[in-house]
């Protein structure tokens, strides 16, 4: 009986340690293959400018108030990306809007990227 109990404790400890040590994968940066461009280039693209501003307007009131457009990116193949940051409750939330070469939004990714000073 003692051996069964010992084996049970060892298995239980292994399971608890295995799950306790598990870390989720970090959110991959959807702008990894893009290069930053001037925000002036963004403002010259009316379709994307109108869309990202509309996206911000549709955020909850507190997020909308704190949202800033922090970057405009291009991938060299006609796609564009817009990085929006919201510093909320001590955390930085990143919103990345990706557009195809026809300036149509094809994806939105949102993740927490660290502490905020706001």
PDB file of N, CA and C in Angstrom:
ATOM      1  N   UNK A   1       0.816  -1.195   0.000  1.00  0.00           N
ATOM      2  CA  UNK A   1       0.000   0.000   0.000  1.00  0.00           C
ATOM      3  C   UNK A   1       0.865   1.268   0.000  1.00  0.00           C
ATOM      4  N   UNK A   2       1.981   1.220   0.752  1.00  0.00           N
ATOM      5  CA  UNK A   2       2.862   2.383   0.815  1.00  0.00           C
ATOM      6  C   UNK A   2       3.450   2.695  -0.556  1.00  0.00           C
ATOM      7  N   UNK A   3       3.760   1.683  -1.340  1.00  0.00           N
ATOM      8  CA  UNK A   3       4.351   1.909  -2.660  1.00  0.00           C
ATOM      9  C   UNK A   3       3.342   2.578  -3.589  1.00  0.00           C
ATOM     10  N   UNK A   4       2.073   2.182  -3.511  1.00  0.00           N
ATOM     11  CA  UNK A   4       1.035   2.797  -4.347  1.00  0.00           C
ATOM     12  C   UNK A   4       0.864   4.263  -3.971  1.00  0.00           C
ATOM     13  N   UNK A   5       0.877   4.540  -2.680  1.00  0.00           N
ATOM     14  CA  UNK A   5       0.751   5.924  -2.223  1.00  0.00           C
ATOM     15  C   UNK A   5       1.941   6.757  -2.699  1.00  0.00           C
ATOM     16  N   UNK A   6       3.148   6.203  -2.592  1.00  0.00           N
ATOM     17  CA  UNK A   6       4.354   6.912  -3.024  1.00  0.00           C
ATOM     18  C   UNK A   6       4.296   7.214  -4.526  1.00  0.00           C
ATOM     19  N   UNK A   7       3.904   6.217  -5.318  1.00  0.00           N
ATOM     20  CA  UNK A   7       3.801   6.417  -6.763  1.00  0.00           C
ATOM     21  C   UNK A   7       2.729   7.458  -7.075  1.00  0.00           C
ATOM     22  N   UNK A   8       1.621   7.433  -6.352  1.00  0.00           N
ATOM     23  CA  UNK A   8       0.553   8.423  -6.553  1.00  0.00           C
ATOM     24  C   UNK A   8       1.043   9.831  -6.267  1.00  0.00           C
ATOM     25  N   UNK A   9       1.801  10.006  -5.188  1.00  0.00           N
ATOM     26  CA  UNK A   9       2.344  11.325  -4.853  1.00  0.00           C
ATOM     27  C   UNK A   9       3.322  11.811  -5.913  1.00  0.00           C
ATOM     28  N   UNK A  10       4.145  10.908  -6.397  1.00  0.00           N
ATOM     29  CA  UNK A  10       5.116  11.288  -7.437  1.00  0.00           C
ATOM     30  C   UNK A  10       4.384  11.716  -8.709  1.00  0.00           C
ATOM     31  N   UNK A  11       3.365  10.953  -9.114  1.00  0.00           N
ATOM     32  CA  UNK A  11       2.584  11.325 -10.301  1.00  0.00           C
ATOM     33  C   UNK A  11       1.866  12.652 -10.104  1.00  0.00           C
ATOM     34  N   UNK A  12       1.287  12.850  -8.923  1.00  0.00           N
ATOM     35  CA  UNK A  12       0.594  14.106  -8.635  1.00  0.00           C
ATOM     36  C   UNK A  12       1.561  15.285  -8.686  1.00  0.00           C
ATOM     37  N   UNK A  13       2.741  15.127  -8.099  1.00  0.00           N
ATOM     38  CA  UNK A  13       3.743  16.199  -8.114  1.00  0.00           C
ATOM     39  C   UNK A  13       4.197  16.499  -9.543  1.00  0.00           C
ATOM     40  N   UNK A  14       4.342  15.456 -10.352  1.00  0.00           N
ATOM     41  CA  UNK A  14       4.758  15.647 -11.738  1.00  0.00           C
ATOM     42  C   UNK A  14       3.698  16.416 -12.526  1.00  0.00           C
ATOM     43  N   UNK A  15       2.452  16.059 -12.331  1.00  0.00           N
ATOM     44  CA  UNK A  15       1.365  16.746 -13.032  1.00  0.00           C
ATOM     45  C   UNK A  15       1.272  18.203 -12.594  1.00  0.00           C
ATOM     46  N   UNK A  16       1.330  18.460 -11.292  1.00  0.00           N
ATOM     47  CA  UNK A  16       1.242  19.832 -10.782  1.00  0.00           C
ATOM     48  C   UNK A  16       2.410  20.668 -11.271  1.00  0.00           C
ATOM     49  N   UNK A  17       3.601  20.131 -11.214  1.00  0.00           N
ATOM     50  CA  UNK A  17       4.774  20.885 -11.687  1.00  0.00           C
ATOM     51  C   UNK A  17       4.688  21.131 -13.183  1.00  0.00           C
ATOM     52  N   UNK A  18       4.239  20.129 -13.921  1.00  0.00           N
ATOM     53  CA  UNK A  18       4.128  20.269 -15.377  1.00  0.00           C
ATOM     54  C   UNK A  18       3.172  21.366 -15.779  1.00  0.00           C
ATOM     55  N   UNK A  19       2.012  21.447 -15.128  1.00  0.00           N
ATOM     56  CA  UNK A  19       1.055  22.503 -15.451  1.00  0.00           C
ATOM     57  C   UNK A  19       1.455  23.829 -14.843  1.00  0.00           C
ATOM     58  N   UNK A  20       2.079  23.814 -13.711  1.00  0.00           N
ATOM     59  CA  UNK A  20       2.496  25.045 -13.047  1.00  0.00           C
ATOM     60  C   UNK A  20       3.614  25.751 -13.780  1.00  0.00           C
ATOM     61  N   UNK A  21       4.414  25.009 -14.505  1.00  0.00           N
ATOM     62  CA  UNK A  21       5.548  25.583 -15.225  1.00  0.00           C
ATOM     63  C   UNK A  21       5.186  25.978 -16.653  1.00  0.00           C
ATOM     64  N   UNK A  22       3.979  25.694 -17.074  1.00  0.00           N
ATOM     65  CA  UNK A  22       3.552  26.001 -18.436  1.00  0.00           C
ATOM     66  C   UNK A  22       3.392  27.501 -18.612  1.00  0.00           C
ATOM     67  N   UNK A  23       3.989  28.017 -19.656  1.00  0.00           N
ATOM     68  CA  UNK A  23       3.812  29.426 -20.009  1.00  0.00           C
ATOM     69  C   UNK A  23       3.190  29.485 -21.388  1.00  0.00           C
ATOM     70  N   UNK A  24       2.223  30.380 -21.530  1.00  0.00           N
ATOM     71  CA  UNK A  24       1.620  30.528 -22.839  1.00  0.00           C
ATOM     72  C   UNK A  24       2.607  31.215 -23.777  1.00  0.00           C
ATOM     73  N   UNK A  25       2.457  30.931 -25.048  1.00  0.00           N
ATOM     74  CA  UNK A  25       3.319  31.567 -26.039  1.00  0.00           C
ATOM     75  C   UNK A  25       2.987  33.053 -26.106  1.00  0.00           C
ATOM     76  N   UNK A  26       4.004  33.897 -26.260  1.00  0.00           N
ATOM     77  CA  UNK A  26       3.704  35.319 -26.436  1.00  0.00           C
ATOM     78  C   UNK A  26       3.007  35.545 -27.773  1.00  0.00           C
ATOM     79  N   UNK A  27       2.203  36.582 -27.820  1.00  0.00           N
ATOM     80  CA  UNK A  27       1.503  36.912 -29.060  1.00  0.00           C
ATOM     81  C   UNK A  27       2.535  37.307 -30.114  1.00  0.00           C
ATOM     82  N   UNK A  28       2.517  36.633 -31.265  1.00  0.00           N
ATOM     83  CA  UNK A  28       3.471  37.024 -32.304  1.00  0.00           C
ATOM     84  C   UNK A  28       3.130  38.416 -32.835  1.00  0.00           C
ATOM     85  N   UNK A  29       4.150  39.172 -33.128  1.00  0.00           N
ATOM     86  CA  UNK A  29       3.945  40.522 -33.636  1.00  0.00           C
ATOM     87  C   UNK A  29       3.529  40.447 -35.107  1.00  0.00           C
ATOM     88  N   UNK A  30       2.306  40.860 -35.430  1.00  0.00           N
ATOM     89  CA  UNK A  30       1.861  40.787 -36.823  1.00  0.00           C
ATOM     90  C   UNK A  30       2.611  41.756 -37.736  1.00  0.00           C
ATOM     91  N   UNK A  31       3.390  42.663 -37.155  1.00  0.00           N
ATOM     92  CA  UNK A  31       4.158  43.612 -37.967  1.00  0.00           C
ATOM     93  C   UNK A  31       5.620  43.185 -38.118  1.00  0.00           C
ATOM     94  N   UNK A  32       5.936  41.949 -37.783  1.00  0.00           N
ATOM     95  CA  UNK A  32       7.324  41.485 -37.804  1.00  0.00           C
ATOM     96  C   UNK A  32       7.969  41.613 -39.188  1.00  0.00           C
ATOM     97  N   UNK A  33       7.226  41.367 -40.248  1.00  0.00           N
ATOM     98  CA  UNK A  33       7.789  41.433 -41.596  1.00  0.00           C
ATOM     99  C   UNK A  33       7.572  42.786 -42.269  1.00  0.00           C
ATOM    100  N   UNK A  34       7.113  43.759 -41.510  1.00  0.00           N
ATOM    101  CA  UNK A  34       6.858  45.099 -42.037  1.00  0.00           C
ATOM    102  C   UNK A  34       7.987  46.031 -41.617  1.00  0.00           C
ATOM    103  N   UNK A  35       8.113  47.142 -42.302  1.00  0.00           N
ATOM    104  CA  UNK A  35       9.036  48.197 -41.877  1.00  0.00           C
ATOM    105  C   UNK A  35       8.225  49.460 -41.615  1.00  0.00           C
ATOM    106  N   UNK A  36       8.663  50.220 -40.630  1.00  0.00           N
ATOM    107  CA  UNK A  36       7.936  51.436 -40.280  1.00  0.00           C
ATOM    108  C   UNK A  36       8.116  52.489 -41.358  1.00  0.00           C
ATOM    109  N   UNK A  37       7.062  53.223 -41.583  1.00  0.00           N
ATOM    110  CA  UNK A  37       7.047  54.307 -42.546  1.00  0.00           C
ATOM    111  C   UNK A  37       6.617  55.564 -41.803  1.00  0.00           C
ATOM    112  N   UNK A  38       6.683  56.660 -42.438  1.00  0.00           N
ATOM    113  CA  UNK A  38       6.286  57.931 -41.825  1.00  0.00           C
ATOM    114  C   UNK A  38       4.783  57.994 -41.615  1.00  0.00           C
ATOM    115  N   UNK A  39       4.373  58.591 -40.505  1.00  0.00           N
ATOM    116  CA  UNK A  39       2.947  58.823 -40.288  1.00  0.00           C
ATOM    117  C   UNK A  39       2.395  59.769 -41.344  1.00  0.00           C
ATOM    118  N   UNK A  40       3.267  60.564 -41.970  1.00  0.00           N
ATOM    119  CA  UNK A  40       2.825  61.415 -43.080  1.00  0.00           C
ATOM    120  C   UNK A  40       2.327  60.557 -44.240  1.00  0.00           C
ATOM    121  N   UNK A  41       2.975  59.407 -44.463  1.00  0.00           N
ATOM    122  CA  UNK A  41       2.517  58.497 -45.508  1.00  0.00           C
ATOM    123  C   UNK A  41       1.128  57.955 -45.178  1.00  0.00           C
ATOM    124  N   UNK A  42       0.887  57.688 -43.897  1.00  0.00           N
ATOM    125  CA  UNK A  42      -0.424  57.222 -43.482  1.00  0.00           C
ATOM    126  C   UNK A  42      -1.480  58.264 -43.789  1.00  0.00           C
ATOM    127  N   UNK A  43      -1.204  59.492 -43.430  1.00  0.00           N
ATOM    128  CA  UNK A  43      -2.193  60.557 -43.645  1.00  0.00           C
ATOM    129  C   UNK A  43      -2.442  60.828 -45.123  1.00  0.00           C
ATOM    130  N   UNK A  44      -1.522  60.418 -45.983  1.00  0.00           N
ATOM    131  CA  UNK A  44      -1.756  60.603 -47.420  1.00  0.00           C
ATOM    132  C   UNK A  44      -2.632  59.479 -47.981  1.00  0.00           C
ATOM    133  N   UNK A  45      -2.838  58.425 -47.207  1.00  0.00           N
ATOM    134  CA  UNK A  45      -3.699  57.329 -47.639  1.00  0.00           C
ATOM    135  C   UNK A  45      -5.055  57.488 -46.955  1.00  0.00           C
ATOM    136  N   UNK A  46      -5.969  58.163 -47.615  1.00  0.00           N
ATOM    137  CA  UNK A  46      -7.257  58.524 -47.008  1.00  0.00           C
ATOM    138  C   UNK A  46      -8.090  57.312 -46.593  1.00  0.00           C
ATOM    139  N   UNK A  47      -8.074  56.233 -47.393  1.00  0.00           N
ATOM    140  CA  UNK A  47      -8.890  55.055 -47.072  1.00  0.00           C
ATOM    141  C   UNK A  47      -8.454  54.434 -45.746  1.00  0.00           C
ATOM    142  N   UNK A  48      -7.150  54.254 -45.574  1.00  0.00           N
ATOM    143  CA  UNK A  48      -6.645  53.663 -44.333  1.00  0.00           C
ATOM    144  C   UNK A  48      -6.814  54.634 -43.175  1.00  0.00           C
ATOM    145  N   UNK A  49      -6.545  55.922 -43.392  1.00  0.00           N
ATOM    146  CA  UNK A  49      -6.718  56.916 -42.335  1.00  0.00           C
ATOM    147  C   UNK A  49      -8.157  56.934 -41.840  1.00  0.00           C
ATOM    148  N   UNK A  50      -9.103  56.955 -42.762  1.00  0.00           N
ATOM    149  CA  UNK A  50     -10.520  56.961 -42.367  1.00  0.00           C
ATOM    150  C   UNK A  50     -10.883  55.689 -41.606  1.00  0.00           C
ATOM    151  N   UNK A  51     -10.341  54.540 -42.047  1.00  0.00           N
ATOM    152  CA  UNK A  51     -10.683  53.276 -41.393  1.00  0.00           C
ATOM    153  C   UNK A  51     -10.105  53.186 -39.982  1.00  0.00           C
ATOM    154  N   UNK A  52      -8.822  53.547 -39.793  1.00  0.00           N
ATOM    155  CA  UNK A  52      -8.264  53.420 -38.445  1.00  0.00           C
ATOM    156  C   UNK A  52      -8.913  54.428 -37.492  1.00  0.00           C
ATOM    157  N   UNK A  53      -9.266  55.608 -37.994  1.00  0.00           N
ATOM    158  CA  UNK A  53      -9.976  56.576 -37.135  1.00  0.00           C
ATOM    159  C   UNK A  53     -11.365  56.068 -36.765  1.00  0.00           C
ATOM    160  N   UNK A  54     -12.035  55.419 -37.699  1.00  0.00           N
ATOM    161  CA  UNK A  54     -13.340  54.814 -37.424  1.00  0.00           C
ATOM    162  C   UNK A  54     -13.182  53.686 -36.402  1.00  0.00           C
ATOM    163  N   UNK A  55     -12.107  52.890 -36.528  1.00  0.00           N
ATOM    164  CA  UNK A  55     -11.829  51.812 -35.568  1.00  0.00           C
ATOM    165  C   UNK A  55     -11.682  52.383 -34.158  1.00  0.00           C
ATOM    166  N   UNK A  56     -10.926  53.464 -34.028  1.00  0.00           N
ATOM    167  CA  UNK A  56     -10.735  54.096 -32.720  1.00  0.00           C
ATOM    168  C   UNK A  56     -12.061  54.624 -32.180  1.00  0.00           C
ATOM    169  N   UNK A  57     -12.872  55.228 -33.033  1.00  0.00           N
ATOM    170  CA  UNK A  57     -14.163  55.767 -32.589  1.00  0.00           C
ATOM    171  C   UNK A  57     -15.095  54.689 -32.059  1.00  0.00           C
ATOM    172  N   UNK A  58     -14.927  53.460 -32.522  1.00  0.00           N
ATOM    173  CA  UNK A  58     -15.788  52.356 -32.096  1.00  0.00           C
ATOM    174  C   UNK A  58     -15.276  51.635 -30.845  1.00  0.00           C
ATOM    175  N   UNK A  59     -14.116  52.047 -30.340  1.00  0.00           N
ATOM    176  CA  UNK A  59     -13.609  51.468 -29.092  1.00  0.00           C
ATOM    177  C   UNK A  59     -14.472  51.942 -27.924  1.00  0.00           C
ATOM    178  N   UNK A  60     -14.454  51.210 -26.800  1.00  0.00           N
ATOM    179  CA  UNK A  60     -15.162  51.701 -25.611  1.00  0.00           C
ATOM    180  C   UNK A  60     -14.660  53.100 -25.238  1.00  0.00           C
ATOM    181  N   UNK A  61     -15.498  53.926 -24.602  1.00  0.00           N
ATOM    182  CA  UNK A  61     -15.149  55.330 -24.346  1.00  0.00           C
ATOM    183  C   UNK A  61     -13.772  55.551 -23.699  1.00  0.00           C
ATOM    184  N   UNK A  62     -13.438  54.794 -22.675  1.00  0.00           N
ATOM    185  CA  UNK A  62     -12.148  54.989 -22.002  1.00  0.00           C
ATOM    186  C   UNK A  62     -10.983  54.642 -22.928  1.00  0.00           C
ATOM    187  N   UNK A  63     -11.109  53.566 -23.686  1.00  0.00           N
ATOM    188  CA  UNK A  63     -10.051  53.194 -24.630  1.00  0.00           C
ATOM    189  C   UNK A  63      -9.929  54.229 -25.741  1.00  0.00           C
ATOM    190  N   UNK A  64     -11.073  54.691 -26.236  1.00  0.00           N
ATOM    191  CA  UNK A  64     -11.083  55.689 -27.315  1.00  0.00           C
ATOM    192  C   UNK A  64     -10.335  56.949 -26.883  1.00  0.00           C
ATOM    193  N   UNK A  65     -10.554  57.358 -25.639  1.00  0.00           N
ATOM    194  CA  UNK A  65      -9.921  58.570 -25.119  1.00  0.00           C
ATOM    195  C   UNK A  65      -8.397  58.420 -25.035  1.00  0.00           C
ATOM    196  N   UNK A  66      -7.919  57.212 -24.779  1.00  0.00           N
ATOM    197  CA  UNK A  66      -6.494  56.976 -24.552  1.00  0.00           C
ATOM    198  C   UNK A  66      -5.755  56.439 -25.780  1.00  0.00           C
ATOM    199  N   UNK A  67      -6.459  56.156 -26.853  1.00  0.00           N
ATOM    200  CA  UNK A  67      -5.846  55.540 -28.033  1.00  0.00           C
ATOM    201  C   UNK A  67      -4.990  56.529 -28.813  1.00  0.00           C
ATOM    202  N   UNK A  68      -3.823  56.054 -29.239  1.00  0.00           N
ATOM    203  CA  UNK A  68      -2.951  56.849 -30.105  1.00  0.00           C
ATOM    204  C   UNK A  68      -2.472  55.977 -31.265  1.00  0.00           C
ATOM    205  N   UNK A  69      -2.341  56.580 -32.411  1.00  0.00           N
ATOM    206  CA  UNK A  69      -1.758  55.897 -33.564  1.00  0.00           C
ATOM    207  C   UNK A  69      -0.248  56.056 -33.441  1.00  0.00           C
ATOM    208  N   UNK A  70       0.447  54.940 -33.244  1.00  0.00           N
ATOM    209  CA  UNK A  70       1.891  54.988 -32.990  1.00  0.00           C
ATOM    210  C   UNK A  70       2.751  54.543 -34.149  1.00  0.00           C
ATOM    211  N   UNK A  71       2.155  54.074 -35.214  1.00  0.00           N
ATOM    212  CA  UNK A  71       3.004  53.655 -36.311  1.00  0.00           C
ATOM    213  C   UNK A  71       2.236  53.258 -37.546  1.00  0.00           C
ATOM    214  N   UNK A  72       2.892  53.467 -38.655  1.00  0.00           N
ATOM    215  CA  UNK A  72       2.370  53.065 -39.962  1.00  0.00           C
ATOM    216  C   UNK A  72       3.467  52.239 -40.610  1.00  0.00           C
ATOM    217  N   UNK A  73       3.111  51.051 -41.090  1.00  0.00           N
ATOM    218  CA  UNK A  73       4.108  50.129 -41.620  1.00  0.00           C
ATOM    219  C   UNK A  73       3.717  49.655 -43.009  1.00  0.00           C
ATOM    220  N   UNK A  74       4.737  49.242 -43.746  1.00  0.00           N
ATOM    221  CA  UNK A  74       4.543  48.683 -45.082  1.00  0.00           C
ATOM    222  C   UNK A  74       5.375  47.415 -45.167  1.00  0.00           C
ATOM    223  N   UNK A  75       4.920  46.455 -45.982  1.00  0.00           N
ATOM    224  CA  UNK A  75       5.681  45.206 -46.107  1.00  0.00           C
ATOM    225  C   UNK A  75       6.417  45.068 -47.424  1.00  0.00           C
ATOM    226  N   UNK A  76       6.345  46.055 -48.300  1.00  0.00           N
ATOM    227  CA  UNK A  76       7.028  45.987 -49.584  1.00  0.00           C
ATOM    228  C   UNK A  76       6.262  45.186 -50.638  1.00  0.00           C
ATOM    229  N   UNK A  77       5.126  44.577 -50.254  1.00  0.00           N
ATOM    230  CA  UNK A  77       4.325  43.784 -51.191  1.00  0.00           C
ATOM    231  C   UNK A  77       2.940  44.395 -51.353  1.00  0.00           C
ATOM    232  N   UNK A  78       2.777  45.633 -50.851  1.00  0.00           N
ATOM    233  CA  UNK A  78       1.512  46.331 -51.011  1.00  0.00           C
ATOM    234  C   UNK A  78       0.616  46.329 -49.787  1.00  0.00           C
ATOM    235  N   UNK A  79       0.986  45.555 -48.771  1.00  0.00           N
ATOM    236  CA  UNK A  79       0.178  45.555 -47.551  1.00  0.00           C
ATOM    237  C   UNK A  79       0.658  46.662 -46.606  1.00  0.00           C
ATOM    238  N   UNK A  80      -0.246  47.106 -45.750  1.00  0.00           N
ATOM    239  CA  UNK A  80       0.057  48.156 -44.790  1.00  0.00           C
ATOM    240  C   UNK A  80      -0.420  47.724 -43.411  1.00  0.00           C
ATOM    241  N   UNK A  81       0.146  48.331 -42.400  1.00  0.00           N
ATOM    242  CA  UNK A  81      -0.282  48.063 -41.035  1.00  0.00           C
ATOM    243  C   UNK A  81      -0.299  49.352 -40.237  1.00  0.00           C
ATOM    244  N   UNK A  82      -1.238  49.428 -39.308  1.00  0.00           N
ATOM    245  CA  UNK A  82      -1.349  50.582 -38.419  1.00  0.00           C
ATOM    246  C   UNK A  82      -1.271  50.058 -36.996  1.00  0.00           C
ATOM    247  N   UNK A  83      -0.388  50.661 -36.195  1.00  0.00           N
ATOM    248  CA  UNK A  83      -0.229  50.294 -34.793  1.00  0.00           C
ATOM    249  C   UNK A  83      -0.921  51.338 -33.932  1.00  0.00           C
ATOM    250  N   UNK A  84      -1.869  50.874 -33.122  1.00  0.00           N
ATOM    251  CA  UNK A  84      -2.595  51.743 -32.194  1.00  0.00           C
ATOM    252  C   UNK A  84      -2.275  51.271 -30.789  1.00  0.00           C
ATOM    253  N   UNK A  85      -1.937  52.203 -29.902  1.00  0.00           N
ATOM    254  CA  UNK A  85      -1.629  51.859 -28.522  1.00  0.00           C
ATOM    255  C   UNK A  85      -2.661  52.488 -27.601  1.00  0.00           C
ATOM    256  N   UNK A  86      -3.103  51.699 -26.623  1.00  0.00           N
ATOM    257  CA  UNK A  86      -4.022  52.188 -25.601  1.00  0.00           C
ATOM    258  C   UNK A  86      -3.388  51.871 -24.249  1.00  0.00           C
ATOM    259  N   UNK A  87      -2.985  52.912 -23.504  1.00  0.00           N
ATOM    260  CA  UNK A  87      -2.465  52.735 -22.152  1.00  0.00           C
ATOM    261  C   UNK A  87      -3.628  52.766 -21.187  1.00  0.00           C
ATOM    262  N   UNK A  88      -4.006  51.592 -20.678  1.00  0.00           N
ATOM    263  CA  UNK A  88      -5.220  51.488 -19.875  1.00  0.00           C
ATOM    264  C   UNK A  88      -4.950  50.682 -18.611  1.00  0.00           C
ATOM    265  N   UNK A  89      -5.257  51.271 -17.461  1.00  0.00           N
ATOM    266  CA  UNK A  89      -5.139  50.612 -16.164  1.00  0.00           C
ATOM    267  C   UNK A  89      -3.754  50.010 -15.949  1.00  0.00           C
ATOM    268  N   UNK A  90      -2.734  50.774 -16.288  1.00  0.00           N
ATOM    269  CA  UNK A  90      -1.359  50.350 -16.064  1.00  0.00           C
ATOM    270  C   UNK A  90      -0.804  49.380 -17.091  1.00  0.00           C
ATOM    271  N   UNK A  91      -1.546  49.091 -18.140  1.00  0.00           N
ATOM    272  CA  UNK A  91      -1.100  48.163 -19.175  1.00  0.00           C
ATOM    273  C   UNK A  91      -1.136  48.839 -20.536  1.00  0.00           C
ATOM    274  N   UNK A  92      -0.213  48.446 -21.402  1.00  0.00           N
ATOM    275  CA  UNK A  92      -0.233  48.898 -22.791  1.00  0.00           C
ATOM    276  C   UNK A  92      -0.925  47.838 -23.621  1.00  0.00           C
ATOM    277  N   UNK A  93      -1.957  48.223 -24.321  1.00  0.00           N
ATOM    278  CA  UNK A  93      -2.645  47.332 -25.243  1.00  0.00           C
ATOM    279  C   UNK A  93      -2.304  47.780 -26.651  1.00  0.00           C
ATOM    280  N   UNK A  94      -1.848  46.849 -27.464  1.00  0.00           N
ATOM    281  CA  UNK A  94      -1.509  47.133 -28.863  1.00  0.00           C
ATOM    282  C   UNK A  94      -2.620  46.582 -29.754  1.00  0.00           C
ATOM    283  N   UNK A  95      -3.047  47.396 -30.682  1.00  0.00           N
ATOM    284  CA  UNK A  95      -4.014  46.995 -31.698  1.00  0.00           C
ATOM    285  C   UNK A  95      -3.293  47.161 -33.033  1.00  0.00           C
ATOM    286  N   UNK A  96      -3.244  46.120 -33.818  1.00  0.00           N
ATOM    287  CA  UNK A  96      -2.613  46.203 -35.131  1.00  0.00           C
ATOM    288  C   UNK A  96      -3.670  45.910 -36.189  1.00  0.00           C
ATOM    289  N   UNK A  97      -3.838  46.872 -37.078  1.00  0.00           N
ATOM    290  CA  UNK A  97      -4.769  46.730 -38.197  1.00  0.00           C
ATOM    291  C   UNK A  97      -3.938  46.475 -39.451  1.00  0.00           C
ATOM    292  N   UNK A  98      -4.230  45.390 -40.145  1.00  0.00           N
ATOM    293  CA  UNK A  98      -3.493  45.049 -41.364  1.00  0.00           C
ATOM    294  C   UNK A  98      -4.421  45.244 -42.560  1.00  0.00           C
ATOM    295  N   UNK A  99      -3.883  45.860 -43.612  1.00  0.00           N
ATOM    296  CA  UNK A  99      -4.633  46.171 -44.830  1.00  0.00           C
ATOM    297  C   UNK A  99      -3.969  45.501 -46.032  1.00  0.00           C
ATOM    298  N   UNK A 100      -4.794  45.037 -46.960  1.00  0.00           N
ATOM    299  CA  UNK A 100      -4.246  44.458 -48.190  1.00  0.00           C
ATOM    300  C   UNK A 100      -3.825  45.578 -49.148  1.00  0.00           C
ATOM    301  N   UNK A 101      -3.365  45.193 -50.336  1.00  0.00           N
ATOM    302  CA  UNK A 101      -2.883  46.220 -51.271  1.00  0.00           C
ATOM    303  C   UNK A 101      -3.993  47.072 -51.855  1.00  0.00           C
ATOM    304  N   UNK A 102      -5.260  46.691 -51.599  1.00  0.00           N
ATOM    305  CA  UNK A 102      -6.399  47.513 -52.014  1.00  0.00           C
ATOM    306  C   UNK A 102      -6.909  48.380 -50.868  1.00  0.00           C
ATOM    307  N   UNK A 103      -6.121  48.478 -49.806  1.00  0.00           N
ATOM    308  CA  UNK A 103      -6.438  49.281 -48.617  1.00  0.00           C
ATOM    309  C   UNK A 103      -7.680  48.794 -47.881  1.00  0.00           C
ATOM    310  N   UNK A 104      -7.987  47.505 -47.991  1.00  0.00           N
ATOM    311  CA  UNK A 104      -9.100  46.900 -47.264  1.00  0.00           C
ATOM    312  C   UNK A 104      -8.524  46.209 -46.025  1.00  0.00           C
ATOM    313  N   UNK A 105      -9.120  46.475 -44.862  1.00  0.00           N
ATOM    314  CA  UNK A 105      -8.638  45.852 -43.628  1.00  0.00           C
ATOM    315  C   UNK A 105      -8.885  44.351 -43.697  1.00  0.00           C
ATOM    316  N   UNK A 106      -7.827  43.575 -43.468  1.00  0.00           N
ATOM    317  CA  UNK A 106      -7.956  42.121 -43.537  1.00  0.00           C
ATOM    318  C   UNK A 106      -7.759  41.445 -42.185  1.00  0.00           C
ATOM    319  N   UNK A 107      -7.212  42.160 -41.199  1.00  0.00           N
ATOM    320  CA  UNK A 107      -7.090  41.550 -39.879  1.00  0.00           C
ATOM    321  C   UNK A 107      -6.892  42.605 -38.802  1.00  0.00           C
ATOM    322  N   UNK A 108      -7.260  42.202 -37.583  1.00  0.00           N
ATOM    323  CA  UNK A 108      -7.048  43.020 -36.387  1.00  0.00           C
ATOM    324  C   UNK A 108      -6.471  42.095 -35.330  1.00  0.00           C
ATOM    325  N   UNK A 109      -5.370  42.503 -34.725  1.00  0.00           N
ATOM    326  CA  UNK A 109      -4.770  41.746 -33.635  1.00  0.00           C
ATOM    327  C   UNK A 109      -4.645  42.681 -32.449  1.00  0.00           C
ATOM    328  N   UNK A 110      -4.994  42.175 -31.269  1.00  0.00           N
ATOM    329  CA  UNK A 110      -4.935  42.990 -30.044  1.00  0.00           C
ATOM    330  C   UNK A 110      -4.254  42.151 -28.967  1.00  0.00           C
ATOM    331  N   UNK A 111      -3.289  42.766 -28.276  1.00  0.00           N
ATOM    332  CA  UNK A 111      -2.638  42.056 -27.193  1.00  0.00           C
ATOM    333  C   UNK A 111      -2.082  43.032 -26.178  1.00  0.00           C
ATOM    334  N   UNK A 112      -1.829  42.522 -24.982  1.00  0.00           N
ATOM    335  CA  UNK A 112      -1.206  43.312 -23.923  1.00  0.00           C
ATOM    336  C   UNK A 112       0.293  43.209 -24.102  1.00  0.00           C
ATOM    337  N   UNK A 113       0.971  44.357 -24.107  1.00  0.00           N
ATOM    338  CA  UNK A 113       2.411  44.326 -24.390  1.00  0.00           C
ATOM    339  C   UNK A 113       3.271  44.827 -23.252  1.00  0.00           C
ATOM    340  N   UNK A 114       2.722  45.046 -22.098  1.00  0.00           N
ATOM    341  CA  UNK A 114       3.549  45.477 -20.967  1.00  0.00           C
ATOM    342  C   UNK A 114       2.915  46.588 -20.175  1.00  0.00           C
ATOM    343  N   UNK A 115       3.713  47.096 -19.264  1.00  0.00           N
ATOM    344  CA  UNK A 115       3.224  48.131 -18.364  1.00  0.00           C
ATOM    345  C   UNK A 115       3.193  49.492 -19.035  1.00  0.00           C
ATOM    346  N   UNK A 116       2.246  50.291 -18.575  1.00  0.00           N
ATOM    347  CA  UNK A 116       2.055  51.640 -19.078  1.00  0.00           C
ATOM    348  C   UNK A 116       2.274  52.620 -17.937  1.00  0.00           C
ATOM    349  N   UNK A 117       2.678  53.811 -18.266  1.00  0.00           N
ATOM    350  CA  UNK A 117       2.852  54.840 -17.246  1.00  0.00           C
ATOM    351  C   UNK A 117       1.577  55.637 -17.011  1.00  0.00           C
ATOM    352  N   UNK A 118       0.497  55.334 -17.793  1.00  0.00           N
ATOM    353  CA  UNK A 118      -0.739  56.085 -17.642  1.00  0.00           C
ATOM    354  C   UNK A 118      -1.614  55.504 -16.542  1.00  0.00           C
TER     355      UNK A 118
END
